[in-house]
Each structure stands twice: as structure tokens, then as C-alpha cells.
Amino acid sequence: MLRELIAARAQLRETVTALRALAATGPPAAGGPVTAAEVVARALAAVARVDAARVAVMRERRPRS
């Protein structure tokens, strides 16, 4: 689970970079996503992975009675 959280965090960092590039003036960065819709889709997918990993970690940490 920790690996999934780390990977999702990296994806979110890349998404923020892409969003900043979209918000900046000038041409889009080479090799980056072209549309805001693609960037938002990547962000939502990363958030979903973080949520799923968080739930799994919470289940593992839940005290067993």
C-alpha cells in the first residue's frame, strides 16, 4: 500500500506541474499533456488511487477484536 501512495503522490506532483504549465503564458511544455481535460483526468485518477490506498491502510491498522 505504501508504494501505491508514493506512486500516486508522484503522479499528483506531475499533475500540478502540468497544471502550472497550462496556466503559464506561452506554448505548452514539450511532452506534457495538451489539454486541461487530460490534466484533470490524470489528477482525478491519482486522487482515486490515493483514496483507495488510504482506505486499505486504515483497514490494516484497524484494531482487531
PDB file of N, CA and C in Angstrom:
ATOM      1  N   MET A   1       0.801  -1.186   0.000  1.00  0.00           N
ATOM      2  CA  MET A   1       0.000   0.000   0.000  1.00  0.00           C
ATOM      3  C   MET A   1       0.852   1.262   0.000  1.00  0.00           C
ATOM      4  N   LEU A   2       1.946   1.215   0.735  1.00  0.00           N
ATOM      5  CA  LEU A   2       2.797   2.404   0.802  1.00  0.00           C
ATOM      6  C   LEU A   2       3.337   2.753  -0.579  1.00  0.00           C
ATOM      7  N   ARG A   3       3.694   1.749  -1.349  1.00  0.00           N
ATOM      8  CA  ARG A   3       4.179   2.002  -2.714  1.00  0.00           C
ATOM      9  C   ARG A   3       3.121   2.710  -3.554  1.00  0.00           C
ATOM     10  N   GLU A   4       1.875   2.289  -3.403  1.00  0.00           N
ATOM     11  CA  GLU A   4       0.786   2.924  -4.158  1.00  0.00           C
ATOM     12  C   GLU A   4       0.617   4.386  -3.754  1.00  0.00           C
ATOM     13  N   LEU A   5       0.725   4.664  -2.459  1.00  0.00           N
ATOM     14  CA  LEU A   5       0.622   6.047  -2.005  1.00  0.00           C
ATOM     15  C   LEU A   5       1.767   6.900  -2.562  1.00  0.00           C
ATOM     16  N   ILE A   6       2.972   6.337  -2.562  1.00  0.00           N
ATOM     17  CA  ILE A   6       4.126   7.066  -3.085  1.00  0.00           C
ATOM     18  C   ILE A   6       3.966   7.312  -4.576  1.00  0.00           C
ATOM     19  N   ALA A   7       3.518   6.303  -5.310  1.00  0.00           N
ATOM     20  CA  ALA A   7       3.322   6.464  -6.755  1.00  0.00           C
ATOM     21  C   ALA A   7       2.232   7.488  -7.051  1.00  0.00           C
ATOM     22  N   ALA A   8       1.157   7.455  -6.290  1.00  0.00           N
ATOM     23  CA  ALA A   8       0.073   8.415  -6.501  1.00  0.00           C
ATOM     24  C   ALA A   8       0.531   9.828  -6.167  1.00  0.00           C
ATOM     25  N   ARG A   9       1.347   9.964  -5.144  1.00  0.00           N
ATOM     26  CA  ARG A   9       1.865  11.289  -4.795  1.00  0.00           C
ATOM     27  C   ARG A   9       2.739  11.826  -5.925  1.00  0.00           C
ATOM     28  N   ALA A  10       3.551  10.962  -6.500  1.00  0.00           N
ATOM     29  CA  ALA A  10       4.385  11.391  -7.633  1.00  0.00           C
ATOM     30  C   ALA A  10       3.517  11.822  -8.809  1.00  0.00           C
ATOM     31  N   GLN A  11       2.458  11.076  -9.066  1.00  0.00           N
ATOM     32  CA  GLN A  11       1.546  11.438 -10.155  1.00  0.00           C
ATOM     33  C   GLN A  11       0.876  12.779  -9.884  1.00  0.00           C
ATOM     34  N   LEU A  12       0.492  13.011  -8.645  1.00  0.00           N
ATOM     35  CA  LEU A  12      -0.121  14.292  -8.301  1.00  0.00           C
ATOM     36  C   LEU A  12       0.874  15.444  -8.473  1.00  0.00           C
ATOM     37  N   ARG A  13       2.132  15.203  -8.126  1.00  0.00           N
ATOM     38  CA  ARG A  13       3.157  16.237  -8.307  1.00  0.00           C
ATOM     39  C   ARG A  13       3.313  16.555  -9.792  1.00  0.00           C
ATOM     40  N   GLU A  14       3.336  15.521 -10.642  1.00  0.00           N
ATOM     41  CA  GLU A  14       3.429  15.736 -12.089  1.00  0.00           C
ATOM     42  C   GLU A  14       2.204  16.497 -12.600  1.00  0.00           C
ATOM     43  N   THR A  15       1.044  16.188 -12.042  1.00  0.00           N
ATOM     44  CA  THR A  15      -0.188  16.857 -12.454  1.00  0.00           C
ATOM     45  C   THR A  15      -0.149  18.334 -12.095  1.00  0.00           C
ATOM     46  N   VAL A  16       0.346  18.634 -10.914  1.00  0.00           N
ATOM     47  CA  VAL A  16       0.462  20.044 -10.513  1.00  0.00           C
ATOM     48  C   VAL A  16       1.403  20.781 -11.462  1.00  0.00           C
ATOM     49  N   THR A  17       2.496  20.145 -11.820  1.00  0.00           N
ATOM     50  CA  THR A  17       3.438  20.751 -12.768  1.00  0.00           C
ATOM     51  C   THR A  17       2.749  21.017 -14.097  1.00  0.00           C
ATOM     52  N   ALA A  18       1.960  20.053 -14.554  1.00  0.00           N
ATOM     53  CA  ALA A  18       1.242  20.221 -15.821  1.00  0.00           C
ATOM     54  C   ALA A  18       0.205  21.329 -15.726  1.00  0.00           C
ATOM     55  N   LEU A  19      -0.488  21.413 -14.606  1.00  0.00           N
ATOM     56  CA  LEU A  19      -1.475  22.484 -14.418  1.00  0.00           C
ATOM     57  C   LEU A  19      -0.793  23.850 -14.412  1.00  0.00           C
ATOM     58  N   ARG A  20       0.361  23.930 -13.776  1.00  0.00           N
ATOM     59  CA  ARG A  20       1.097  25.200 -13.776  1.00  0.00           C
ATOM     60  C   ARG A  20       1.517  25.572 -15.194  1.00  0.00           C
ATOM     61  N   ALA A  21       1.933  24.573 -15.978  1.00  0.00           N
ATOM     62  CA  ALA A  21       2.323  24.839 -17.359  1.00  0.00           C
ATOM     63  C   ALA A  21       1.133  25.329 -18.172  1.00  0.00           C
ATOM     64  N   LEU A  22      -0.041  24.759 -17.932  1.00  0.00           N
ATOM     65  CA  LEU A  22      -1.240  25.200 -18.638  1.00  0.00           C
ATOM     66  C   LEU A  22      -1.620  26.627 -18.250  1.00  0.00           C
ATOM     67  N   ALA A  23      -1.399  26.950 -16.987  1.00  0.00           N
ATOM     68  CA  ALA A  23      -1.766  28.282 -16.508  1.00  0.00           C
ATOM     69  C   ALA A  23      -0.766  29.346 -16.952  1.00  0.00           C
ATOM     70  N   ALA A  24       0.465  28.939 -17.246  1.00  0.00           N
ATOM     71  CA  ALA A  24       1.500  29.888 -17.648  1.00  0.00           C
ATOM     72  C   ALA A  24       1.252  30.353 -19.082  1.00  0.00           C
ATOM     73  N   THR A  25       1.773  31.508 -19.382  1.00  0.00           N
ATOM     74  CA  THR A  25       1.661  32.015 -20.746  1.00  0.00           C
ATOM     75  C   THR A  25       2.717  31.344 -21.613  1.00  0.00           C
ATOM     76  N   GLY A  26       2.451  31.269 -22.872  1.00  0.00           N
ATOM     77  CA  GLY A  26       3.400  30.667 -23.808  1.00  0.00           C
ATOM     78  C   GLY A  26       2.947  29.296 -24.246  1.00  0.00           C
ATOM     79  N   PRO A  27       3.754  28.663 -25.092  1.00  0.00           N
ATOM     80  CA  PRO A  27       3.394  27.337 -25.616  1.00  0.00           C
ATOM     81  C   PRO A  27       3.477  26.270 -24.524  1.00  0.00           C
ATOM     82  N   PRO A  28       2.720  25.180 -24.680  1.00  0.00           N
ATOM     83  CA  PRO A  28       2.766  24.102 -23.678  1.00  0.00           C
ATOM     84  C   PRO A  28       4.142  23.441 -23.654  1.00  0.00           C
ATOM     85  N   ALA A  29       4.474  22.864 -22.519  1.00  0.00           N
ATOM     86  CA  ALA A  29       5.764  22.187 -22.369  1.00  0.00           C
ATOM     87  C   ALA A  29       5.837  20.975 -23.292  1.00  0.00           C
ATOM     88  N   ALA A  30       7.009  20.711 -23.805  1.00  0.00           N
ATOM     89  CA  ALA A  30       7.206  19.569 -24.704  1.00  0.00           C
ATOM     90  C   ALA A  30       6.965  18.264 -23.953  1.00  0.00           C
ATOM     91  N   GLY A  31       6.197  17.384 -24.548  1.00  0.00           N
ATOM     92  CA  GLY A  31       5.935  16.081 -23.959  1.00  0.00           C
ATOM     93  C   GLY A  31       4.870  16.098 -22.872  1.00  0.00           C
ATOM     94  N   GLY A  32       4.354  17.261 -22.541  1.00  0.00           N
ATOM     95  CA  GLY A  32       3.343  17.365 -21.495  1.00  0.00           C
ATOM     96  C   GLY A  32       1.953  17.196 -22.066  1.00  0.00           C
ATOM     97  N   PRO A  33       0.967  17.069 -21.190  1.00  0.00           N
ATOM     98  CA  PRO A  33      -0.406  16.950 -21.669  1.00  0.00           C
ATOM     99  C   PRO A  33      -0.829  18.214 -22.422  1.00  0.00           C
ATOM    100  N   VAL A  34      -1.628  18.033 -23.428  1.00  0.00           N
ATOM    101  CA  VAL A  34      -2.006  19.142 -24.299  1.00  0.00           C
ATOM    102  C   VAL A  34      -3.228  19.875 -23.772  1.00  0.00           C
ATOM    103  N   THR A  35      -4.147  19.172 -23.201  1.00  0.00           N
ATOM    104  CA  THR A  35      -5.402  19.805 -22.804  1.00  0.00           C
ATOM    105  C   THR A  35      -5.579  19.803 -21.289  1.00  0.00           C
ATOM    106  N   ALA A  36      -6.351  20.773 -20.828  1.00  0.00           N
ATOM    107  CA  ALA A  36      -6.677  20.832 -19.404  1.00  0.00           C
ATOM    108  C   ALA A  36      -7.512  19.615 -19.000  1.00  0.00           C
ATOM    109  N   ALA A  37      -8.353  19.136 -19.891  1.00  0.00           N
ATOM    110  CA  ALA A  37      -9.189  17.967 -19.582  1.00  0.00           C
ATOM    111  C   ALA A  37      -8.327  16.740 -19.283  1.00  0.00           C
ATOM    112  N   GLU A  38      -7.248  16.568 -20.039  1.00  0.00           N
ATOM    113  CA  GLU A  38      -6.349  15.431 -19.804  1.00  0.00           C
ATOM    114  C   GLU A  38      -5.660  15.572 -18.444  1.00  0.00           C
ATOM    115  N   VAL A  39      -5.246  16.776 -18.119  1.00  0.00           N
ATOM    116  CA  VAL A  39      -4.592  17.010 -16.828  1.00  0.00           C
ATOM    117  C   VAL A  39      -5.559  16.747 -15.688  1.00  0.00           C
ATOM    118  N   VAL A  40      -6.782  17.214 -15.815  1.00  0.00           N
ATOM    119  CA  VAL A  40      -7.787  16.993 -14.769  1.00  0.00           C
ATOM    120  C   VAL A  40      -8.086  15.499 -14.626  1.00  0.00           C
ATOM    121  N   ALA A  41      -8.175  14.789 -15.741  1.00  0.00           N
ATOM    122  CA  ALA A  41      -8.426  13.343 -15.683  1.00  0.00           C
ATOM    123  C   ALA A  41      -7.299  12.628 -14.954  1.00  0.00           C
ATOM    124  N   ARG A  42      -6.054  13.026 -15.220  1.00  0.00           N
ATOM    125  CA  ARG A  42      -4.912  12.429 -14.516  1.00  0.00           C
ATOM    126  C   ARG A  42      -4.971  12.729 -13.026  1.00  0.00           C
ATOM    127  N   ALA A  43      -5.335  13.942 -12.689  1.00  0.00           N
ATOM    128  CA  ALA A  43      -5.424  14.328 -11.275  1.00  0.00           C
ATOM    129  C   ALA A  43      -6.505  13.518 -10.567  1.00  0.00           C
ATOM    130  N   LEU A  44      -7.656  13.384 -11.190  1.00  0.00           N
ATOM    131  CA  LEU A  44      -8.742  12.619 -10.578  1.00  0.00           C
ATOM    132  C   LEU A  44      -8.367  11.151 -10.402  1.00  0.00           C
ATOM    133  N   ALA A  45      -7.663  10.594 -11.372  1.00  0.00           N
ATOM    134  CA  ALA A  45      -7.223   9.201 -11.256  1.00  0.00           C
ATOM    135  C   ALA A  45      -6.229   9.044 -10.108  1.00  0.00           C
ATOM    136  N   ALA A  46      -5.325   9.990  -9.974  1.00  0.00           N
ATOM    137  CA  ALA A  46      -4.346   9.926  -8.883  1.00  0.00           C
ATOM    138  C   ALA A  46      -5.026  10.068  -7.531  1.00  0.00           C
ATOM    139  N   VAL A  47      -5.987  10.965  -7.439  1.00  0.00           N
ATOM    140  CA  VAL A  47      -6.723  11.142  -6.180  1.00  0.00           C
ATOM    141  C   VAL A  47      -7.474   9.861  -5.830  1.00  0.00           C
ATOM    142  N   ALA A  48      -8.068   9.213  -6.811  1.00  0.00           N
ATOM    143  CA  ALA A  48      -8.787   7.954  -6.559  1.00  0.00           C
ATOM    144  C   ALA A  48      -7.829   6.881  -6.036  1.00  0.00           C
ATOM    145  N   ARG A  49      -6.605   6.829  -6.600  1.00  0.00           N
ATOM    146  CA  ARG A  49      -5.621   5.850  -6.119  1.00  0.00           C
ATOM    147  C   ARG A  49      -5.192   6.154  -4.686  1.00  0.00           C
ATOM    148  N   VAL A  50      -5.014   7.424  -4.370  1.00  0.00           N
ATOM    149  CA  VAL A  50      -4.650   7.807  -3.002  1.00  0.00           C
ATOM    150  C   VAL A  50      -5.772   7.422  -2.048  1.00  0.00           C
ATOM    151  N   ASP A  51      -7.007   7.691  -2.426  1.00  0.00           N
ATOM    152  CA  ASP A  51      -8.144   7.340  -1.577  1.00  0.00           C
ATOM    153  C   ASP A  51      -8.224   5.836  -1.340  1.00  0.00           C
ATOM    154  N   ALA A  52      -8.048   5.060  -2.393  1.00  0.00           N
ATOM    155  CA  ALA A  52      -8.111   3.601  -2.263  1.00  0.00           C
ATOM    156  C   ALA A  52      -6.980   3.085  -1.367  1.00  0.00           C
ATOM    157  N   ALA A  53      -5.802   3.620  -1.535  1.00  0.00           N
ATOM    158  CA  ALA A  53      -4.673   3.193  -0.705  1.00  0.00           C
ATOM    159  C   ALA A  53      -4.883   3.605   0.746  1.00  0.00           C
ATOM    160  N   ARG A  54      -5.432   4.787   0.958  1.00  0.00           N
ATOM    161  CA  ARG A  54      -5.707   5.258   2.320  1.00  0.00           C
ATOM    162  C   ARG A  54      -6.693   4.334   3.019  1.00  0.00           C
ATOM    163  N   VAL A  55      -7.735   3.937   2.320  1.00  0.00           N
ATOM    164  CA  VAL A  55      -8.725   3.029   2.897  1.00  0.00           C
ATOM    165  C   VAL A  55      -8.071   1.690   3.246  1.00  0.00           C
ATOM    166  N   ALA A  56      -7.225   1.193   2.360  1.00  0.00           N
ATOM    167  CA  ALA A  56      -6.550  -0.081   2.616  1.00  0.00           C
ATOM    168  C   ALA A  56      -5.634   0.021   3.835  1.00  0.00           C
ATOM    169  N   VAL A  57      -4.914   1.113   3.951  1.00  0.00           N
ATOM    170  CA  VAL A  57      -4.032   1.296   5.104  1.00  0.00           C
ATOM    171  C   VAL A  57      -4.850   1.383   6.380  1.00  0.00           C
ATOM    172  N   MET A  58      -5.952   2.102   6.330  1.00  0.00           N
ATOM    173  CA  MET A  58      -6.795   2.222   7.521  1.00  0.00           C
ATOM    174  C   MET A  58      -7.355   0.864   7.930  1.00  0.00           C
ATOM    175  N   ARG A  59      -7.700   0.038   6.960  1.00  0.00           N
ATOM    176  CA  ARG A  59      -8.214  -1.306   7.283  1.00  0.00           C
ATOM    177  C   ARG A  59      -7.131  -2.154   7.926  1.00  0.00           C
ATOM    178  N   GLU A  60      -5.900  -2.041   7.436  1.00  0.00           N
ATOM    179  CA  GLU A  60      -4.793  -2.806   8.011  1.00  0.00           C
ATOM    180  C   GLU A  60      -4.488  -2.373   9.442  1.00  0.00           C
ATOM    181  N   ARG A  61      -4.666  -1.084   9.704  1.00  0.00           N
ATOM    182  CA  ARG A  61      -4.338  -0.537  11.012  1.00  0.00           C
ATOM    183  C   ARG A  61      -5.485  -0.685  12.006  1.00  0.00           C
ATOM    184  N   ARG A  62      -6.665  -1.055  11.522  1.00  0.00           N
ATOM    185  CA  ARG A  62      -7.834  -1.169  12.395  1.00  0.00           C
ATOM    186  C   ARG A  62      -7.567  -2.244  13.458  1.00  0.00           C
ATOM    187  N   PRO A  63      -7.840  -1.916  14.723  1.00  0.00           N
ATOM    188  CA  PRO A  63      -7.623  -2.919  15.769  1.00  0.00           C
ATOM    189  C   PRO A  63      -8.571  -4.105  15.579  1.00  0.00           C
ATOM    190  N   ARG A  64      -8.031  -5.248  15.753  1.00  0.00           N
ATOM    191  CA  ARG A  64      -8.832  -6.467  15.623  1.00  0.00           C
ATOM    192  C   ARG A  64      -9.303  -6.878  17.015  1.00  0.00           C
ATOM    193  N   SER A  65     -10.592  -7.186  17.114  1.00  0.00           N
ATOM    194  CA  SER A  65     -11.118  -7.577  18.427  1.00  0.00           C
ATOM    195  C   SER A  65     -11.549  -9.015  18.439  1.00  0.00           C
TER     196      SER A  65
END
